Amino acid sequence: MTVDEIIPGVLSAYAGTVLDSNWGERGIFYNPGRALPKGIYLMTCKGSNGPHDKASDLDRDGVFRLNIGIFKRSYQRRFGALPFRPRFCPPRRGDASSRVWLDGLDMRAQSITGDA
């Protein structure tokens, strides 16, 4: 399946959904009558790398990422434990060298960036 097959399929299958594009992604939101500025997030498809997202290596032919909004409980019932998700610590004092991926521990972030 391709993004160009998934998006029309979802839009036609679920009443009240709308397409919106931002940051190189095409997103589908539940927004009957466009009552809200965006709507309630349902899913996005992204098919290329962005300035802050190169790890997925999406610039390969036929590769895309499909993000689907799902409650945490629903995910755990279907797939089990949540996967590890690193947390990004932005640079401090304008120093790009202080950017680090963290495991969610604030103390570690402070000691790595020299702010402990």
Protein backbone atom coordinates (compact mmCIF):
# COMPACT_ATOMS: atom_id res chain seq x y z
CA MET A 1 0.00 0.00 0.00
CA THR A 2 1.06 3.57 -0.62
CA VAL A 3 0.25 6.86 1.09
CA ASP A 4 -1.82 7.79 -1.97
CA GLU A 5 -3.97 4.71 -1.36
CA ILE A 6 -4.20 4.98 2.44
CA ILE A 7 -5.32 8.60 2.70
CA PRO A 8 -8.33 8.43 0.34
CA GLY A 9 -9.30 5.09 1.88
CA VAL A 10 -9.39 6.52 5.41
CA LEU A 11 -11.16 9.71 4.32
CA SER A 12 -13.90 7.72 2.57
CA ALA A 13 -14.25 5.15 5.36
CA TYR A 14 -14.71 7.61 8.24
CA ALA A 15 -17.30 10.39 8.03
CA GLY A 16 -16.23 13.76 9.39
CA THR A 17 -12.54 13.32 8.63
CA VAL A 18 -10.51 16.02 6.88
CA LEU A 19 -7.04 16.16 5.32
CA ASP A 20 -4.48 18.70 6.48
CA SER A 21 -0.82 19.06 5.49
CA ASN A 22 1.91 20.42 7.76
CA TRP A 23 5.66 20.01 8.11
CA GLY A 24 5.86 17.64 5.16
CA GLU A 25 3.20 15.34 6.58
CA ARG A 26 -0.33 14.70 5.42
CA GLY A 27 -2.63 14.32 8.39
CA ILE A 28 -6.19 13.18 8.83
CA PHE A 29 -8.24 14.71 11.60
CA TYR A 30 -11.77 14.09 12.82
CA ASN A 31 -13.41 17.47 12.32
CA PRO A 32 -17.06 17.29 11.20
CA GLY A 33 -18.10 20.54 9.55
CA ARG A 34 -14.61 21.90 10.25
CA ALA A 35 -15.85 23.08 13.64
CA LEU A 36 -12.30 23.22 15.04
CA PRO A 37 -9.14 24.80 13.59
CA LYS A 38 -7.58 21.35 13.06
CA GLY A 39 -9.79 18.73 14.64
CA ILE A 40 -8.95 15.63 16.64
CA TYR A 41 -5.80 13.86 15.46
CA LEU A 42 -6.39 10.51 13.79
CA MET A 43 -3.28 9.79 11.70
CA THR A 44 -0.41 11.24 9.67
CA CYS A 45 1.69 9.97 6.80
CA LYS A 46 5.20 11.24 6.20
CA GLY A 47 7.29 10.23 3.21
CA SER A 48 10.51 12.25 3.50
CA ASN A 49 13.10 13.27 6.06
CA GLY A 50 12.74 16.64 7.75
CA PRO A 51 15.30 18.89 9.42
CA HIS A 52 14.55 17.35 12.85
CA ASP A 53 13.63 13.86 11.66
CA LYS A 54 16.26 11.91 9.77
CA ALA A 55 16.42 8.77 11.93
CA SER A 56 13.58 7.06 10.08
CA ASP A 57 15.47 7.41 6.77
CA LEU A 58 12.26 8.20 4.89
CA ASP A 59 13.97 9.47 1.74
CA ARG A 60 14.15 5.93 0.32
CA ASP A 61 11.87 4.97 -2.56
CA GLY A 62 8.51 3.60 -1.42
CA VAL A 63 9.20 4.22 2.29
CA PHE A 64 6.86 6.21 4.50
CA ARG A 65 5.85 6.41 8.13
CA LEU A 66 2.25 6.05 9.25
CA ASN A 67 1.44 7.50 12.68
CA ILE A 68 -1.89 6.53 14.18
CA GLY A 69 -3.50 8.15 17.22
CA ILE A 70 -4.46 5.49 19.76
CA PHE A 71 -5.07 5.50 23.50
CA LYS A 72 -2.21 4.08 25.57
CA ARG A 73 -4.49 1.38 27.04
CA SER A 74 -5.62 0.31 23.57
CA TYR A 75 -2.02 0.06 22.38
CA GLN A 76 -1.00 -2.03 25.38
CA ARG A 77 -3.96 -4.41 24.96
CA ARG A 78 -3.09 -4.91 21.30
CA PHE A 79 0.74 -4.87 21.30
CA GLY A 80 1.92 -5.20 24.91
CA ALA A 81 4.38 -2.90 26.67
CA LEU A 82 5.10 0.52 25.22
CA PRO A 83 8.44 0.74 23.39
CA PHE A 84 11.29 2.85 24.74
CA ARG A 85 11.02 6.42 23.48
CA PRO A 86 14.04 8.67 24.02
CA ARG A 87 13.45 12.24 25.10
CA PHE A 88 15.33 15.02 23.37
CA CYS A 89 17.06 17.62 25.50
CA PRO A 90 17.31 20.88 23.52
CA PRO A 91 20.60 22.77 23.43
CA ARG A 92 21.32 25.11 26.30
CA ARG A 93 22.81 28.56 25.93
CA GLY A 94 22.82 28.21 22.13
CA ASP A 95 25.41 25.41 22.21
CA ALA A 96 24.36 22.75 19.70
CA SER A 97 26.97 20.36 21.16
CA SER A 98 24.86 19.99 24.32
CA ARG A 99 22.03 18.21 22.46
CA VAL A 100 21.55 14.73 23.87
CA TRP A 101 18.98 11.97 23.68
CA LEU A 102 17.84 10.97 27.12
CA ASP A 103 16.09 8.09 28.75
CA GLY A 104 13.75 10.46 30.60
CA LEU A 105 15.95 11.13 33.64
CA ASP A 106 16.25 14.87 34.28
CA MET A 107 19.30 14.41 36.54
CA ARG A 108 21.16 12.75 33.69
CA ALA A 109 20.30 15.64 31.40
CA GLN A 110 21.68 18.12 33.90
CA SER A 111 24.93 16.26 34.42
CA ILE A 112 25.56 15.73 30.69
CA THR A 113 24.98 19.38 29.84
CA GLY A 114 27.06 20.61 32.77
CA ASP A 115 24.13 22.20 34.61
CA ALA A 116 24.21 19.87 37.64
